[in-house]
Each structure stands twice: as structure tokens, then as C-alpha cells.
Amino acid sequence: MKFPGSVLISLVLFVSETAAALCLSAGYHDEGDDMWRVLTLLFALLPCVLVQLSLHFIHRDVSRDRPLVLLLHLLQLGPLVRCVEAFYIYFSAERVEEPYVSITKKRQMPKDGYSEEIEKEVGQAEGKLRTHRSAFSRASVIQAFLGSAPQLTLQLYICILQQEVTVARSIFMVLSLLSIVYGALRCNILAIKIKYDDYDVRVKPTAYLCIFMWRSFEIATRVAVLVLFGSVLRVWVFLVVLLNFLCFFFYPWIQFWLSKSPFPENIEKELSRLGTTIVLCLLTLLYAGINMFCWSAAQVELSDPDLISKSQNWYQMTVYYIVRLMENAFLLLMWYIYRTDFYLYVCAPLLFLQLLIGYCMGIFFMLVFYQYCHPCKKLFSSSITEALLSCFNILYFICQHQKSTLLKGKMAMKSRGNTDEARGSSKTTDPQNRNIHQSASSNA
């Protein structure tokens, strides 16, 4: 039985970030900054409520008649109780004999073209521990992108406005960044396990390191770009954020409407149609929050019974990163043009270049992960480098086609101009010929 380390990491990040948010909001209250205090508390308490709901929904405490656990969830102590329960199960598993076990069948990764199917006995304690791990993984994703990401953006924006980085604020920003990166990492692992549920997936430490570096560069540069742009164009940043959020929020619903699939009814038997709609809206809300800051490894597909797309769409990922890189470059260019006097002490071209290179470094580690460190790379029908090459070939073909159409248009314009000149010259020479002929006839 594996040690529940992910449960402990999720709890430590959740508790430390919440405590730091409360301390920082108290500091804002002492300084008289009521707006910053309210926003800090909002971004700290809203994900706490959503985390409690997710843990409570996955474990179904109402149906199992556990009023004490329900009360602790209402007191925002649900993760602490879950962690204690998970470690109690782990340490008492070897002492208590299992009344029954279940047998699971998993396939190993293909070796020399062959894949063996292995059977494994899973006891009741290990099954409960797996449920705890999956619940905390989902809670970490919710905490990261609906709480920590807006919180990090807000605190960095306050630092630029006040032109001061305090110790409490810097500690809080570091904790928020670690929470976001860890949530993105758990999102990657969840997506891999959902897509390849039939296989025994084992993630190596090098894969964890690549994901950590990939997400760190990608998220840190994205937050910095949004904050820099918002510091000089405060109104336009709301338009950029709203446009991004609405596009990613409605994208799964548009796909679902175009597929003409029936409304999903098998999410939870006890939920009504309205409850199912609310759950799907919360899922797409989380999906939009993830894609605001980084690429979501788990692509939402409402027509699928698991609500997650199990196909590896390289082209969609390529288009996302190309568009996001262009958007970041454009936002940085607007910041460079409209920067204020505060940035006179900052080497703006160097910062511009560093942020773009940082985002490209994130893309580089992403390519390394999918090309060399992905635990299921043997199951890929094509590698990501082949997909990138084919995508760039398509873009090159489109550019060449546009160039050829422009050249044809220019040639057509030139030919029309030449014909018009020829007609004009013929019209000018005809009167001259007529005058010569008239003069010759008069002389005769």
C-alpha cells in the first residue's frame, strides 16, 4: 500500500495558504486597505467552500449518515478530518485482517509489441485510501485555479501598485505559486490515469520533475504578463480576462451542442436534471479557470460518460500554445508602449525578453515530457514532434497559398494595367494616323 503523501502535501498547502491569507488580510485591515482585505478574503474563502463541497460530494456523507463529518465540513475542517482518516487507514491496514478483497485487472505497458494483463487484489482499506487520494487530487485542482491563481495575481498587482514587496506578501505569493503548480501537476496525473484507465500507470520522478518545471515557467510568466498589462491598462485587462474565460467556459458546451448528444444523466443517480446542470457548469467553470493560466491536460467532453476526452489531440494543444504565445507577446507589447514612470527603473526590453523566454522554456519542458518522460508514450499513435511538424507544414502551406493568391492578384492587376496602357496608346496613335492620312490626301 502506497504512503498517502499526496494527501499530506494537499493538506499542508491548503492550511498554510489559508492561514497566510487570513494573516495578510488582517494586515490590510490594520493599514486601512479595505478593498484589498475583502478581495484577499474572497479569494481565500471561496475555494475553501468549493473544496469542502467536492470532498463531501465525492464521499457522500449525507447518504452514509455521518453528521459529525458534515459539521466539520461546515466548519471548514473537512480536509483535516480526511487527512487524519486517510493516515488512520494506512497505519491500521496491516493490523486488521481484510474481510474481503476485490480483484482488478490492469494491463502493463507494451513491451516488444506485447501487453500482458495482470490481476491484483485490492483490499477494502486500499480502496478507501484510493478514494481519499482522488478526492484530495480534485480538491487540489480546485484550490489551485479558483483560489491560488487569482490570489497570486492580486497580490503581485498590489506589490506593483504600492511599489513594495513585504515579507508576508512574498511568502504568501510563494505558497500560492506552489499551490498552483501542484494543482496543475495533479491535473496532469489525473488526466493520464483517466485516459489510460485500463493500464497500470507508473509515473517516474523525472516525469514529475518535467511537469513541475513546465507548469512553473508557464504559470509564473502568464501571471506576470497579466499583472504587467493590468498595471498600465486597468480597464482593458478585464476585457482580456472576461474574453478568455467566456471562450473556455462555453467551448465544451458548443462542442456538446454540435455533437447533438443526449443530455448526460448518469453522473449521479440522486441528482435531478437541474443538479446535473449545476455540476456540469461547475466543471466547465473549473476548466475555464485552468485554461486561463495554463493548458488543461484534462479536456472536458460533455458527451463522454466520463466527461473527459480520452483522445490525445496534439493539434489542439499546438494551436493553444501558439495563440497563447502570441497573446502574451501582444500584451507585453502593449505594456511596453504604455508603461508608466514607475518602470523607468526597470530594463523594459530585458523584462519583455525574459518573460517570452520563460514561456518558451515552459513549452520546451512540455515537449520533453511528452516526447521522453510520459508514462504512456508507447501507446501514442504519433509523437508530439510529428504533430508539430505536420501542424507547421499546414501553416506553411496556408502561408504559401496566401502568397500565391497575392502574387496572382498582383499579376492580374499588372496585366490589366498593361492592357489599359495599350488601349490608351492605341487611342492616342489613331488620331495621329488620321491627321497624317488627311494631310497626305490634301497634298495630293
Protein backbone atom coordinates (compact mmCIF):
# COMPACT_ATOMS: atom_id res chain seq x y z
CA MET A 1 0.00 0.00 0.00
CA LYS A 2 1.41 3.35 -1.04
CA PHE A 3 2.09 6.06 1.52
CA PRO A 4 -0.57 8.83 1.18
CA GLY A 5 1.99 11.56 0.55
CA SER A 6 -0.23 13.44 -1.91
CA VAL A 7 -2.90 13.77 0.79
CA LEU A 8 -0.38 15.28 3.20
CA ILE A 9 1.01 17.72 0.61
CA SER A 10 -2.50 18.87 -0.32
CA LEU A 11 -3.39 19.44 3.32
CA VAL A 12 -0.16 21.35 4.09
CA LEU A 13 -0.62 23.67 1.10
CA PHE A 14 -4.31 24.18 1.86
CA VAL A 15 -3.80 25.02 5.55
CA SER A 16 -0.68 27.17 5.08
CA GLU A 17 -2.17 29.20 2.26
CA THR A 18 -5.43 29.78 4.14
CA ALA A 19 -3.55 30.83 7.28
CA ALA A 20 -1.30 33.18 5.28
CA ALA A 21 -4.35 34.73 3.59
CA LEU A 22 -6.00 35.38 6.96
CA CYS A 23 -2.83 36.96 8.37
CA LEU A 24 -2.34 39.14 5.29
CA SER A 25 -5.98 40.27 5.33
CA ALA A 26 -5.56 41.25 8.99
CA GLY A 27 -2.55 43.34 7.96
CA TYR A 28 -4.61 45.05 5.26
CA HIS A 29 -7.27 45.77 7.87
CA ASP A 30 -4.70 47.43 10.14
CA GLU A 31 -3.42 49.55 7.25
CA GLY A 32 -6.95 50.60 6.27
CA ASP A 33 -6.92 48.90 2.83
CA ASP A 34 -10.46 47.54 2.98
CA MET A 35 -10.68 46.68 -0.72
CA TRP A 36 -7.53 44.54 -0.67
CA ARG A 37 -8.70 42.89 2.57
CA VAL A 38 -12.08 41.94 1.10
CA LEU A 39 -10.59 40.58 -2.13
CA THR A 40 -7.96 38.58 -0.25
CA LEU A 41 -10.62 37.02 1.98
CA LEU A 42 -12.88 36.34 -1.01
CA PHE A 43 -10.19 34.50 -2.98
CA ALA A 44 -9.28 32.55 0.18
CA LEU A 45 -12.76 31.51 1.35
CA LEU A 46 -14.45 30.81 -2.00
CA PRO A 47 -12.14 27.89 -2.93
CA CYS A 48 -12.39 26.64 0.66
CA VAL A 49 -16.15 26.27 0.26
CA LEU A 50 -15.76 24.59 -3.14
CA VAL A 51 -13.13 22.21 -1.73
CA GLN A 52 -15.47 21.20 1.12
CA LEU A 53 -18.28 20.61 -1.38
CA SER A 54 -16.06 18.49 -3.62
CA LEU A 55 -14.82 16.35 -0.75
CA HIS A 56 -18.33 16.00 0.61
CA PHE A 57 -19.81 15.19 -2.79
CA ILE A 58 -17.22 12.50 -3.59
CA HIS A 59 -17.51 10.77 -0.21
CA ARG A 60 -21.35 11.12 0.02
CA ASP A 61 -21.55 11.66 3.79
CA VAL A 62 -25.26 12.51 3.73
CA SER A 63 -26.21 9.10 2.37
CA ARG A 64 -23.94 7.36 4.92
CA ASP A 65 -25.37 9.30 7.89
CA ARG A 66 -22.18 10.93 9.19
CA PRO A 67 -23.41 14.15 10.85
CA LEU A 68 -20.13 14.85 12.69
CA VAL A 69 -18.11 14.85 9.46
CA LEU A 70 -20.77 17.03 7.83
CA LEU A 71 -20.49 19.52 10.72
CA LEU A 72 -16.71 19.60 10.38
CA HIS A 73 -17.10 20.30 6.67
CA LEU A 74 -19.36 23.24 7.50
CA LEU A 75 -16.65 24.48 9.90
CA GLN A 76 -14.12 24.31 7.00
CA LEU A 77 -12.25 21.44 8.70
CA GLY A 78 -13.07 18.80 6.11
CA PRO A 79 -9.54 18.37 4.67
CA LEU A 80 -8.06 17.95 8.15
CA VAL A 81 -10.56 15.21 9.01
CA ARG A 82 -9.97 13.49 5.67
CA CYS A 83 -6.20 13.51 6.18
CA VAL A 84 -6.49 12.03 9.68
CA GLU A 85 -8.84 9.35 8.37
CA ALA A 86 -6.52 8.51 5.47
CA PHE A 87 -3.49 8.09 7.75
CA TYR A 88 -5.53 6.05 10.23
CA ILE A 89 -6.49 3.68 7.39
CA TYR A 90 -2.88 3.48 6.23
CA PHE A 91 -1.34 2.64 9.62
CA SER A 92 -4.10 0.27 10.72
CA ALA A 93 -4.33 -1.64 7.42
CA GLU A 94 -1.73 -4.27 8.35
CA ARG A 95 -3.17 -4.86 11.81
CA VAL A 96 -6.76 -5.54 10.75
CA GLU A 97 -7.49 -8.51 8.52
CA GLU A 98 -9.46 -7.67 5.38
CA PRO A 99 -12.97 -9.20 5.38
CA TYR A 100 -13.00 -9.33 1.60
CA VAL A 101 -10.92 -8.19 -1.34
CA SER A 102 -11.74 -7.20 -4.89
CA ILE A 103 -9.77 -8.21 -7.95
CA THR A 104 -8.79 -5.60 -10.51
CA LYS A 105 -7.37 -6.28 -13.94
CA LYS A 106 -4.80 -3.95 -15.40
CA ARG A 107 -2.66 -4.18 -18.50
CA GLN A 108 1.04 -3.50 -18.41
CA MET A 109 2.76 -1.11 -20.76
CA PRO A 110 3.56 -2.82 -24.08
CA LYS A 111 7.00 -4.45 -24.30
CA ASP A 112 8.21 -5.56 -27.72
CA GLY A 113 4.67 -5.09 -29.03
CA TYR A 114 3.03 -7.28 -26.37
CA SER A 115 0.94 -6.19 -23.40
CA GLU A 116 0.21 -8.59 -20.54
CA GLU A 117 -2.86 -8.39 -18.34
CA ILE A 118 -2.24 -8.74 -14.62
CA GLU A 119 -4.66 -9.30 -11.77
CA LYS A 120 -4.27 -7.55 -8.46
CA GLU A 121 -6.11 -7.96 -5.19
CA VAL A 122 -7.34 -4.69 -3.74
CA GLY A 123 -8.45 -4.71 -0.13
CA GLN A 124 -11.12 -2.56 1.41
CA ALA A 125 -8.57 -0.30 3.13
CA GLU A 126 -6.63 0.28 -0.08
CA GLY A 127 -9.84 1.10 -1.92
CA LYS A 128 -10.76 3.71 0.70
CA LEU A 129 -7.27 5.15 0.52
CA ARG A 130 -7.52 5.46 -3.26
CA THR A 131 -10.79 7.32 -2.85
CA HIS A 132 -9.11 9.73 -0.45
CA ARG A 133 -6.23 10.29 -2.88
CA SER A 134 -8.55 11.02 -5.81
CA ALA A 135 -10.68 13.33 -3.68
CA PHE A 136 -7.67 15.33 -2.49
CA SER A 137 -6.33 15.50 -6.05
CA ARG A 138 -9.54 17.10 -7.27
CA ALA A 139 -9.58 19.39 -4.25
CA SER A 140 -6.00 20.50 -5.04
CA VAL A 141 -7.01 21.42 -8.59
CA ILE A 142 -9.98 23.44 -7.33
CA GLN A 143 -7.87 25.19 -4.69
CA ALA A 144 -5.15 25.97 -7.24
CA PHE A 145 -7.10 27.54 -10.08
CA LEU A 146 -10.16 29.02 -8.36
CA GLY A 147 -8.27 30.40 -5.37
CA SER A 148 -4.48 30.43 -5.57
CA ALA A 149 -4.21 31.69 -9.16
CA PRO A 150 -6.47 34.76 -8.64
CA GLN A 151 -4.80 35.29 -5.25
CA LEU A 152 -1.29 35.32 -6.75
CA THR A 153 -2.40 37.73 -9.48
CA LEU A 154 -3.98 40.05 -6.92
CA GLN A 155 -1.00 40.12 -4.54
CA LEU A 156 1.50 40.72 -7.36
CA TYR A 157 -0.69 43.56 -8.64
CA ILE A 158 -0.76 45.09 -5.13
CA CYS A 159 3.05 44.88 -4.97
CA ILE A 160 3.37 46.85 -8.20
CA LEU A 161 0.82 49.47 -7.15
CA GLN A 162 2.36 50.00 -3.72
CA GLN A 163 5.92 49.61 -5.10
CA GLU A 164 6.75 47.40 -2.13
CA VAL A 165 7.21 43.67 -1.57
CA THR A 166 6.71 42.83 2.10
CA VAL A 167 7.87 39.62 3.73
CA ALA A 168 4.32 38.41 4.45
CA ARG A 169 3.20 39.10 0.91
CA SER A 170 6.22 37.39 -0.64
CA ILE A 171 5.70 34.27 1.50
CA PHE A 172 2.05 34.23 0.53
CA MET A 173 2.87 34.56 -3.18
CA VAL A 174 5.38 31.71 -2.99
CA LEU A 175 2.79 29.49 -1.30
CA SER A 176 0.19 30.42 -3.92
CA LEU A 177 2.58 29.63 -6.78
CA LEU A 178 3.45 26.26 -5.25
CA SER A 179 -0.25 25.50 -4.81
CA ILE A 180 -0.97 26.34 -8.47
CA VAL A 181 1.93 24.28 -9.78
CA TYR A 182 0.97 21.34 -7.58
CA GLY A 183 -2.66 21.59 -8.71
CA ALA A 184 -1.56 21.60 -12.35
CA LEU A 185 0.66 18.59 -11.66
CA ARG A 186 -2.24 16.68 -10.08
CA CYS A 187 -4.39 17.65 -13.07
CA ASN A 188 -1.82 16.10 -15.41
CA ILE A 189 -1.65 12.87 -13.40
CA LEU A 190 -5.45 12.65 -13.18
CA ALA A 191 -5.78 13.13 -16.92
CA ILE A 192 -3.24 10.37 -17.59
CA LYS A 193 -4.98 7.93 -15.24
CA ILE A 194 -8.43 8.68 -16.70
CA LYS A 195 -7.29 8.36 -20.31
CA TYR A 196 -5.35 5.15 -19.69
CA ASP A 197 -7.55 3.57 -17.05
CA ASP A 198 -7.01 0.06 -18.45
CA TYR A 199 -3.25 0.23 -17.91
CA ASP A 200 -1.05 0.10 -14.84
CA VAL A 201 0.35 3.64 -14.97
CA ARG A 202 3.55 4.34 -13.05
CA VAL A 203 4.87 7.89 -13.10
CA LYS A 204 8.65 8.21 -12.69
CA PRO A 205 10.39 11.03 -10.75
CA THR A 206 11.77 12.50 -13.99
CA ALA A 207 8.20 12.88 -15.24
CA TYR A 208 7.22 14.73 -12.04
CA LEU A 209 10.26 17.00 -12.44
CA CYS A 210 9.42 17.79 -16.07
CA ILE A 211 5.79 18.58 -15.20
CA PHE A 212 6.90 20.77 -12.29
CA MET A 213 9.30 22.80 -14.47
CA TRP A 214 6.80 23.00 -17.33
CA ARG A 215 3.99 24.30 -15.13
CA SER A 216 6.24 26.62 -13.10
CA PHE A 217 7.51 28.52 -16.15
CA GLU A 218 4.13 28.55 -17.86
CA ILE A 219 2.06 29.78 -14.89
CA ALA A 220 4.60 32.25 -13.49
CA THR A 221 5.07 34.01 -16.84
CA ARG A 222 1.33 34.05 -17.53
CA VAL A 223 0.56 35.70 -14.18
CA ALA A 224 3.38 38.23 -14.66
CA VAL A 225 2.13 39.16 -18.15
CA LEU A 226 -1.43 39.72 -16.92
CA VAL A 227 -0.25 41.82 -13.98
CA LEU A 228 2.08 43.98 -16.09
CA PHE A 229 -0.63 44.58 -18.68
CA GLY A 230 -3.21 45.35 -15.98
CA SER A 231 -0.90 47.83 -14.25
CA VAL A 232 -0.92 50.15 -17.28
CA LEU A 233 -4.28 49.33 -18.91
CA ARG A 234 -6.58 48.56 -15.99
CA VAL A 235 -9.85 48.57 -17.91
CA TRP A 236 -8.65 46.51 -20.85
CA VAL A 237 -7.31 43.71 -18.65
CA PHE A 238 -10.86 42.95 -17.50
CA LEU A 239 -11.89 42.62 -21.14
CA VAL A 240 -8.99 40.23 -21.84
CA VAL A 241 -9.76 38.10 -18.78
CA LEU A 242 -13.50 38.04 -19.49
CA LEU A 243 -12.99 37.11 -23.14
CA ASN A 244 -10.62 34.27 -22.21
CA PHE A 245 -12.94 33.00 -19.51
CA LEU A 246 -16.09 33.05 -21.66
CA CYS A 247 -14.36 31.35 -24.60
CA PHE A 248 -13.12 28.44 -22.48
CA PHE A 249 -16.34 28.24 -20.46
CA PHE A 250 -18.64 27.92 -23.49
CA TYR A 251 -16.27 25.85 -25.65
CA PRO A 252 -17.31 22.45 -24.10
CA TRP A 253 -20.99 23.44 -24.34
CA ILE A 254 -20.63 24.42 -28.01
CA GLN A 255 -18.92 21.09 -28.73
CA PHE A 256 -21.71 19.28 -26.89
CA TRP A 257 -24.38 21.16 -28.86
CA LEU A 258 -22.69 20.41 -32.19
CA SER A 259 -22.35 16.70 -31.35
CA LYS A 260 -26.16 16.50 -30.79
CA SER A 261 -25.62 14.02 -27.97
CA PRO A 262 -28.30 13.38 -25.33
CA PHE A 263 -28.07 15.20 -22.03
CA PRO A 264 -25.81 13.27 -19.60
CA GLU A 265 -27.98 11.59 -16.97
CA ASN A 266 -25.56 9.08 -15.43
CA ILE A 267 -23.36 11.47 -13.41
CA GLU A 268 -25.17 10.77 -10.15
CA LYS A 269 -28.41 8.86 -9.71
CA GLU A 270 -29.64 11.05 -6.87
CA LEU A 271 -29.21 14.29 -8.84
CA SER A 272 -32.07 15.86 -10.76
CA ARG A 273 -31.66 17.45 -14.17
CA LEU A 274 -31.10 20.84 -12.53
CA GLY A 275 -28.49 19.39 -10.17
CA THR A 276 -26.70 17.73 -13.08
CA THR A 277 -26.66 21.04 -14.96
CA ILE A 278 -25.17 22.79 -11.92
CA VAL A 279 -22.45 20.13 -11.61
CA LEU A 280 -21.60 20.46 -15.31
CA CYS A 281 -21.47 24.25 -15.03
CA LEU A 282 -19.08 23.96 -12.07
CA LEU A 283 -16.94 21.55 -14.10
CA THR A 284 -16.74 23.93 -17.06
CA LEU A 285 -16.06 26.78 -14.62
CA LEU A 286 -13.03 24.89 -13.32
CA TYR A 287 -11.99 24.08 -16.90
CA ALA A 288 -12.12 27.76 -17.84
CA GLY A 289 -10.14 28.71 -14.73
CA ILE A 290 -7.40 26.23 -15.61
CA ASN A 291 -7.10 27.34 -19.23
CA MET A 292 -6.89 30.98 -18.17
CA PHE A 293 -3.42 30.29 -16.75
CA CYS A 294 -2.18 27.10 -18.40
CA TRP A 295 -3.08 24.26 -20.72
CA SER A 296 -5.63 21.91 -19.19
CA ALA A 297 -4.35 18.36 -19.52
CA ALA A 298 -7.89 17.03 -18.94
CA GLN A 299 -10.10 18.20 -21.79
CA VAL A 300 -13.79 18.39 -20.87
CA GLU A 301 -16.14 16.50 -23.22
CA LEU A 302 -19.74 16.61 -22.01
CA SER A 303 -20.87 13.96 -24.49
CA ASP A 304 -18.48 11.38 -22.95
CA PRO A 305 -19.78 9.31 -19.99
CA ASP A 306 -16.62 10.16 -18.00
CA LEU A 307 -16.91 13.86 -19.02
CA ILE A 308 -13.22 13.78 -20.02
CA SER A 309 -11.90 13.35 -23.55
CA LYS A 310 -9.68 10.28 -23.79
CA SER A 311 -8.15 11.13 -27.15
CA GLN A 312 -4.78 12.85 -27.40
CA ASN A 313 -5.36 15.91 -29.59
CA TRP A 314 -1.91 17.25 -30.48
CA TYR A 315 -3.27 19.84 -32.90
CA GLN A 316 -5.50 21.41 -30.26
CA MET A 317 -2.55 21.66 -27.88
CA THR A 318 -0.35 23.17 -30.59
CA VAL A 319 -2.92 25.78 -31.53
CA TYR A 320 -3.42 26.66 -27.86
CA TYR A 321 0.27 27.30 -27.23
CA ILE A 322 0.76 29.24 -30.47
CA VAL A 323 -2.21 31.50 -29.73
CA ARG A 324 -1.21 31.91 -26.08
CA LEU A 325 2.35 32.85 -27.02
CA MET A 326 1.05 35.43 -29.49
CA GLU A 327 -1.36 36.80 -26.88
CA ASN A 328 1.39 37.10 -24.26
CA ALA A 329 3.65 38.86 -26.76
CA PHE A 330 0.86 41.29 -27.67
CA LEU A 331 0.04 42.07 -24.03
CA LEU A 332 3.72 42.65 -23.28
CA LEU A 333 3.98 44.92 -26.32
CA MET A 334 1.03 46.99 -25.07
CA TRP A 335 2.67 47.19 -21.66
CA TYR A 336 5.93 48.31 -23.24
CA ILE A 337 4.19 51.06 -25.23
CA TYR A 338 2.00 52.41 -22.40
CA ARG A 339 4.34 51.78 -19.43
CA THR A 340 4.36 54.42 -16.70
CA ASP A 341 7.21 56.26 -14.98
CA PHE A 342 7.43 53.50 -12.37
CA TYR A 343 9.06 51.23 -14.96
CA LEU A 344 11.83 53.74 -15.76
CA TYR A 345 13.98 51.95 -13.20
CA VAL A 346 13.32 48.60 -14.89
CA CYS A 347 15.02 47.46 -18.07
CA ALA A 348 11.80 47.02 -20.04
CA PRO A 349 13.27 45.31 -23.14
CA LEU A 350 15.13 42.80 -20.96
CA LEU A 351 11.99 42.04 -18.92
CA PHE A 352 10.00 41.68 -22.15
CA LEU A 353 12.55 39.19 -23.47
CA GLN A 354 12.82 37.29 -20.18
CA LEU A 355 9.07 36.68 -19.95
CA LEU A 356 8.85 35.43 -23.52
CA ILE A 357 11.87 33.16 -23.00
CA GLY A 358 10.31 31.91 -19.75
CA TYR A 359 7.12 30.92 -21.54
CA CYS A 360 9.15 29.23 -24.27
CA MET A 361 11.05 27.33 -21.56
CA GLY A 362 7.71 26.04 -20.28
CA ILE A 363 6.87 24.83 -23.78
CA PHE A 364 10.30 23.21 -24.01
CA PHE A 365 9.78 21.18 -20.81
CA MET A 366 6.32 20.23 -22.03
CA LEU A 367 7.82 18.83 -25.24
CA VAL A 368 10.45 16.93 -23.23
CA PHE A 369 7.74 15.43 -21.05
CA TYR A 370 5.54 14.20 -23.90
CA GLN A 371 8.48 13.04 -26.01
CA TYR A 372 10.60 11.24 -23.39
CA CYS A 373 9.03 11.16 -19.89
CA HIS A 374 5.34 10.43 -20.42
CA PRO A 375 4.46 7.12 -18.69
CA CYS A 376 2.23 6.04 -21.59
CA LYS A 377 4.29 7.30 -24.53
CA LYS A 378 4.38 3.76 -26.00
CA LEU A 379 0.61 3.98 -26.54
CA PHE A 380 0.81 7.15 -28.64
CA SER A 381 -0.17 6.68 -32.27
CA SER A 382 2.12 9.59 -33.17
CA SER A 383 4.66 11.62 -31.23
CA ILE A 384 4.22 15.28 -30.43
CA THR A 385 7.16 16.25 -32.65
CA GLU A 386 5.45 14.66 -35.65
CA ALA A 387 2.25 16.51 -34.80
CA LEU A 388 4.14 19.80 -34.50
CA LEU A 389 5.87 19.25 -37.83
CA SER A 390 2.60 18.44 -39.56
CA CYS A 391 0.94 21.46 -37.96
CA PHE A 392 3.76 23.74 -39.09
CA ASN A 393 3.54 22.20 -42.56
CA ILE A 394 -0.15 23.07 -42.64
CA LEU A 395 0.60 26.63 -41.54
CA TYR A 396 3.38 26.86 -44.14
CA PHE A 397 1.01 25.62 -46.83
CA ILE A 398 -1.59 28.21 -45.81
CA CYS A 399 1.00 30.98 -45.91
CA GLN A 400 2.29 29.84 -49.29
CA HIS A 401 -1.26 29.67 -50.62
CA GLN A 402 -1.91 33.22 -49.45
CA LYS A 403 1.33 34.39 -51.04
CA SER A 404 0.44 32.69 -54.32
CA THR A 405 -3.01 34.27 -54.32
CA LEU A 406 -1.44 37.69 -53.65
CA LEU A 407 1.06 37.18 -56.48
CA LYS A 408 -1.72 36.11 -58.82
CA GLY A 409 -3.69 39.19 -57.84
CA LYS A 410 -0.69 41.43 -58.48
CA MET A 411 -0.02 39.78 -61.84
CA ALA A 412 -3.65 40.21 -62.79
CA MET A 413 -3.51 43.87 -61.81
CA LYS A 414 -0.33 44.33 -63.83
CA SER A 415 -1.82 42.62 -66.88
CA ARG A 416 -4.91 44.78 -66.58
CA GLY A 417 -2.70 47.86 -66.30
CA ASN A 418 -0.73 46.83 -69.38
CA THR A 419 -3.89 46.28 -71.41
CA ASP A 420 -5.24 49.64 -70.28
CA GLU A 421 -1.97 51.32 -71.29
CA ALA A 422 -2.06 49.56 -74.65
CA ARG A 423 -5.60 50.73 -75.23
CA GLY A 424 -4.68 54.25 -74.21
CA SER A 425 -1.68 54.31 -76.52
CA SER A 426 -3.75 52.96 -79.40
CA LYS A 427 -6.31 55.69 -78.83
CA THR A 428 -3.59 58.35 -78.86
CA THR A 429 -1.91 56.96 -82.01
CA ASP A 430 -5.14 56.64 -84.00
CA PRO A 431 -5.78 60.42 -84.19
CA GLN A 432 -2.17 60.96 -85.24
CA ASN A 433 -2.52 58.42 -88.07
CA ARG A 434 -5.74 60.07 -89.10
CA ASN A 435 -4.10 63.50 -89.22
CA ILE A 436 -1.19 62.14 -91.30
CA HIS A 437 -3.59 60.49 -93.74
CA GLN A 438 -5.66 63.68 -94.07
CA SER A 439 -2.55 65.80 -94.71
CA ALA A 440 -1.30 63.31 -97.31
CA SER A 441 -4.62 63.36 -99.15
CA SER A 442 -4.78 67.19 -99.11
CA ASN A 443 -1.25 67.43 -100.60
CA ALA A 444 -2.26 65.05 -103.33
